[in-house]
Amino acid sequence: MDRGINTFETADLYGLGASETLLGMAVQGFREHIVIVGRAGLVRSETGHLTLNLAPDYLRAALDASLQRLGTNYLDVLVVHGPIAPAWREDIVREMEHLRAMGKVRWWGWPMEERRP
């Protein structure tokens, strides 16, 4: 922050939440001067396998846990991991708009294209 960096991206998956905890400690007292971009939707199993969970109740619980680790009551941006199947989009949009109306996120989004190797 001393060098002008004011945007930080993190996710519950990074370090299994440790990155959020560390970021929350680092920016304590500076929240209104920074932008925090969070990600949610990928879940790591005990064996390390990643699965996509974009169910509205999971996204809400993941966001609440992230906010607690970060020590803040909102994210500037919440991005869901993707790709997003067309059948899921309506439910995700509804949930993200609900989270925005509650003041828990200011903006939200998802990847528009599949990642290709």
C-alpha atoms as a PDB file:
ATOM      1  CA  MET A   1       0.000   0.000   0.000  1.00  0.00           C
ATOM      2  CA  ASP A   2       2.940   2.322   0.677  1.00  0.00           C
ATOM      3  CA  ARG A   3       3.857   1.927  -3.013  1.00  0.00           C
ATOM      4  CA  GLY A   4       0.399   2.729  -4.332  1.00  0.00           C
ATOM      5  CA  ILE A   5      -1.039  -0.772  -4.592  1.00  0.00           C
ATOM      6  CA  ASN A   6      -4.659  -0.592  -3.548  1.00  0.00           C
ATOM      7  CA  THR A   7      -6.295  -3.668  -5.121  1.00  0.00           C
ATOM      8  CA  PHE A   8      -5.905  -7.143  -3.671  1.00  0.00           C
ATOM      9  CA  GLU A   9      -7.326 -10.397  -5.034  1.00  0.00           C
ATOM     10  CA  THR A  10      -7.812 -13.428  -2.827  1.00  0.00           C
ATOM     11  CA  ALA A  11      -9.983 -16.519  -2.481  1.00  0.00           C
ATOM     12  CA  ASP A  12     -11.105 -18.944   0.193  1.00  0.00           C
ATOM     13  CA  LEU A  13      -9.231 -21.622  -1.723  1.00  0.00           C
ATOM     14  CA  TYR A  14      -5.843 -19.855  -1.539  1.00  0.00           C
ATOM     15  CA  GLY A  15      -4.038 -21.404   1.391  1.00  0.00           C
ATOM     16  CA  LEU A  16      -7.392 -22.811   2.533  1.00  0.00           C
ATOM     17  CA  GLY A  17      -8.383 -19.377   3.823  1.00  0.00           C
ATOM     18  CA  ALA A  18      -4.957 -18.360   5.129  1.00  0.00           C
ATOM     19  CA  SER A  19      -4.490 -15.729   2.409  1.00  0.00           C
ATOM     20  CA  GLU A  20      -7.703 -14.028   3.505  1.00  0.00           C
ATOM     21  CA  THR A  21      -6.677 -14.066   7.141  1.00  0.00           C
ATOM     22  CA  LEU A  22      -3.263 -12.569   6.333  1.00  0.00           C
ATOM     23  CA  LEU A  23      -4.736  -9.956   4.004  1.00  0.00           C
ATOM     24  CA  GLY A  24      -7.286  -8.992   6.649  1.00  0.00           C
ATOM     25  CA  MET A  25      -4.515  -8.414   9.167  1.00  0.00           C
ATOM     26  CA  ALA A  26      -2.384  -6.476   6.658  1.00  0.00           C
ATOM     27  CA  VAL A  27      -5.116  -4.026   5.674  1.00  0.00           C
ATOM     28  CA  GLN A  28      -6.599  -3.471   9.113  1.00  0.00           C
ATOM     29  CA  GLY A  29      -7.312   0.235   9.467  1.00  0.00           C
ATOM     30  CA  PHE A  30      -7.067   0.845   5.694  1.00  0.00           C
ATOM     31  CA  ARG A  31     -10.254  -0.859   4.473  1.00  0.00           C
ATOM     32  CA  GLU A  32     -11.830   2.268   3.036  1.00  0.00           C
ATOM     33  CA  HIS A  33      -8.708   2.918   0.920  1.00  0.00           C
ATOM     34  CA  ILE A  34      -8.419  -0.465  -0.787  1.00  0.00           C
ATOM     35  CA  VAL A  35     -10.308  -2.725  -3.176  1.00  0.00           C
ATOM     36  CA  ILE A  36     -10.667  -6.383  -2.250  1.00  0.00           C
ATOM     37  CA  VAL A  37     -11.575  -8.848  -4.985  1.00  0.00           C
ATOM     38  CA  GLY A  38     -12.654 -12.234  -3.654  1.00  0.00           C
ATOM     39  CA  ARG A  39     -13.334 -15.500  -5.441  1.00  0.00           C
ATOM     40  CA  ALA A  40     -15.600 -18.398  -4.485  1.00  0.00           C
ATOM     41  CA  GLY A  41     -16.999 -21.606  -5.897  1.00  0.00           C
ATOM     42  CA  LEU A  42     -14.069 -24.012  -6.009  1.00  0.00           C
ATOM     43  CA  VAL A  43     -13.884 -26.575  -3.227  1.00  0.00           C
ATOM     44  CA  ARG A  44     -10.804 -28.674  -2.457  1.00  0.00           C
ATOM     45  CA  SER A  45     -11.460 -32.154  -1.062  1.00  0.00           C
ATOM     46  CA  GLU A  46      -9.282 -33.787   1.575  1.00  0.00           C
ATOM     47  CA  THR A  47      -7.453 -35.563  -1.249  1.00  0.00           C
ATOM     48  CA  GLY A  48      -6.801 -32.286  -3.065  1.00  0.00           C
ATOM     49  CA  HIS A  49      -9.370 -32.787  -5.824  1.00  0.00           C
ATOM     50  CA  LEU A  50     -11.106 -29.568  -6.936  1.00  0.00           C
ATOM     51  CA  THR A  51     -14.831 -29.412  -7.612  1.00  0.00           C
ATOM     52  CA  LEU A  52     -17.033 -26.515  -8.618  1.00  0.00           C
ATOM     53  CA  ASN A  53     -19.880 -25.664  -6.241  1.00  0.00           C
ATOM     54  CA  LEU A  54     -21.953 -22.705  -7.369  1.00  0.00           C
ATOM     55  CA  ALA A  55     -25.078 -23.485  -5.375  1.00  0.00           C
ATOM     56  CA  PRO A  56     -26.470 -20.235  -3.935  1.00  0.00           C
ATOM     57  CA  ASP A  57     -26.356 -21.503  -0.351  1.00  0.00           C
ATOM     58  CA  TYR A  58     -22.712 -22.539  -0.771  1.00  0.00           C
ATOM     59  CA  LEU A  59     -21.724 -19.194  -2.318  1.00  0.00           C
ATOM     60  CA  ARG A  60     -23.446 -17.335   0.521  1.00  0.00           C
ATOM     61  CA  ALA A  61     -21.723 -19.449   3.187  1.00  0.00           C
ATOM     62  CA  ALA A  62     -18.349 -19.131   1.431  1.00  0.00           C
ATOM     63  CA  LEU A  63     -18.722 -15.346   1.238  1.00  0.00           C
ATOM     64  CA  ASP A  64     -19.671 -15.083   4.917  1.00  0.00           C
ATOM     65  CA  ALA A  65     -16.639 -17.164   5.916  1.00  0.00           C
ATOM     66  CA  SER A  66     -14.380 -15.049   3.690  1.00  0.00           C
ATOM     67  CA  LEU A  67     -15.708 -11.826   5.191  1.00  0.00           C
ATOM     68  CA  GLN A  68     -15.028 -13.143   8.671  1.00  0.00           C
ATOM     69  CA  ARG A  69     -11.440 -14.132   7.788  1.00  0.00           C
ATOM     70  CA  LEU A  70     -10.854 -10.771   6.098  1.00  0.00           C
ATOM     71  CA  GLY A  71     -12.304  -8.842   9.021  1.00  0.00           C
ATOM     72  CA  THR A  72     -14.660  -6.811   6.838  1.00  0.00           C
ATOM     73  CA  ASN A  73     -18.380  -6.711   6.192  1.00  0.00           C
ATOM     74  CA  TYR A  74     -18.210  -6.428   2.385  1.00  0.00           C
ATOM     75  CA  LEU A  75     -16.148  -7.267  -0.684  1.00  0.00           C
ATOM     76  CA  ASP A  76     -15.695  -4.735  -3.427  1.00  0.00           C
ATOM     77  CA  VAL A  77     -15.893  -7.487  -6.049  1.00  0.00           C
ATOM     78  CA  LEU A  78     -16.884 -11.159  -5.793  1.00  0.00           C
ATOM     79  CA  VAL A  79     -15.987 -13.361  -8.750  1.00  0.00           C
ATOM     80  CA  VAL A  80     -17.256 -16.920  -8.933  1.00  0.00           C
ATOM     81  CA  HIS A  81     -14.943 -19.525 -10.354  1.00  0.00           C
ATOM     82  CA  GLY A  82     -16.097 -20.908 -13.678  1.00  0.00           C
ATOM     83  CA  PRO A  83     -16.956 -21.906 -16.276  1.00  0.00           C
ATOM     84  CA  ILE A  84     -20.616 -21.276 -15.591  1.00  0.00           C
ATOM     85  CA  ALA A  85     -23.078 -23.644 -17.225  1.00  0.00           C
ATOM     86  CA  PRO A  86     -26.024 -21.792 -18.775  1.00  0.00           C
ATOM     87  CA  ALA A  87     -28.456 -23.747 -16.559  1.00  0.00           C
ATOM     88  CA  TRP A  88     -26.818 -22.277 -13.417  1.00  0.00           C
ATOM     89  CA  ARG A  89     -26.670 -18.661 -14.502  1.00  0.00           C
ATOM     90  CA  GLU A  90     -30.123 -17.521 -13.430  1.00  0.00           C
ATOM     91  CA  ASP A  91     -29.683 -18.872  -9.878  1.00  0.00           C
ATOM     92  CA  ILE A  92     -26.218 -17.338  -9.597  1.00  0.00           C
ATOM     93  CA  VAL A  93     -27.380 -13.944 -10.856  1.00  0.00           C
ATOM     94  CA  ARG A  94     -30.277 -13.996  -8.386  1.00  0.00           C
ATOM     95  CA  GLU A  95     -27.984 -14.881  -5.475  1.00  0.00           C
ATOM     96  CA  MET A  96     -25.306 -12.345  -6.401  1.00  0.00           C
ATOM     97  CA  GLU A  97     -27.898  -9.590  -6.712  1.00  0.00           C
ATOM     98  CA  HIS A  98     -29.263 -10.622  -3.314  1.00  0.00           C
ATOM     99  CA  LEU A  99     -25.769 -10.397  -1.802  1.00  0.00           C
ATOM    100  CA  ARG A 100     -25.318  -6.986  -3.398  1.00  0.00           C
ATOM    101  CA  ALA A 101     -28.676  -5.774  -2.046  1.00  0.00           C
ATOM    102  CA  MET A 102     -27.555  -6.924   1.412  1.00  0.00           C
ATOM    103  CA  GLY A 103     -24.389  -4.826   1.060  1.00  0.00           C
ATOM    104  CA  LYS A 104     -22.059  -7.832   1.230  1.00  0.00           C
ATOM    105  CA  VAL A 105     -20.645  -7.229  -2.269  1.00  0.00           C
ATOM    106  CA  ARG A 106     -20.479  -4.076  -4.361  1.00  0.00           C
ATOM    107  CA  TRP A 107     -19.879  -5.744  -7.736  1.00  0.00           C
ATOM    108  CA  TRP A 108     -19.758  -9.339  -8.922  1.00  0.00           C
ATOM    109  CA  GLY A 109     -18.889 -11.359 -11.980  1.00  0.00           C
ATOM    110  CA  TRP A 110     -17.793 -14.659 -13.484  1.00  0.00           C
ATOM    111  CA  PRO A 111     -15.418 -15.800 -16.230  1.00  0.00           C
ATOM    112  CA  MET A 112     -17.077 -15.494 -19.617  1.00  0.00           C
ATOM    113  CA  GLU A 113     -15.123 -18.223 -21.376  1.00  0.00           C
ATOM    114  CA  GLU A 114     -13.805 -21.619 -20.461  1.00  0.00           C
ATOM    115  CA  ARG A 115     -10.105 -21.779 -19.803  1.00  0.00           C
ATOM    116  CA  ARG A 116      -8.312 -23.780 -22.405  1.00  0.00           C
ATOM    117  CA  PRO A 117      -4.893 -25.408 -21.939  1.00  0.00           C
END
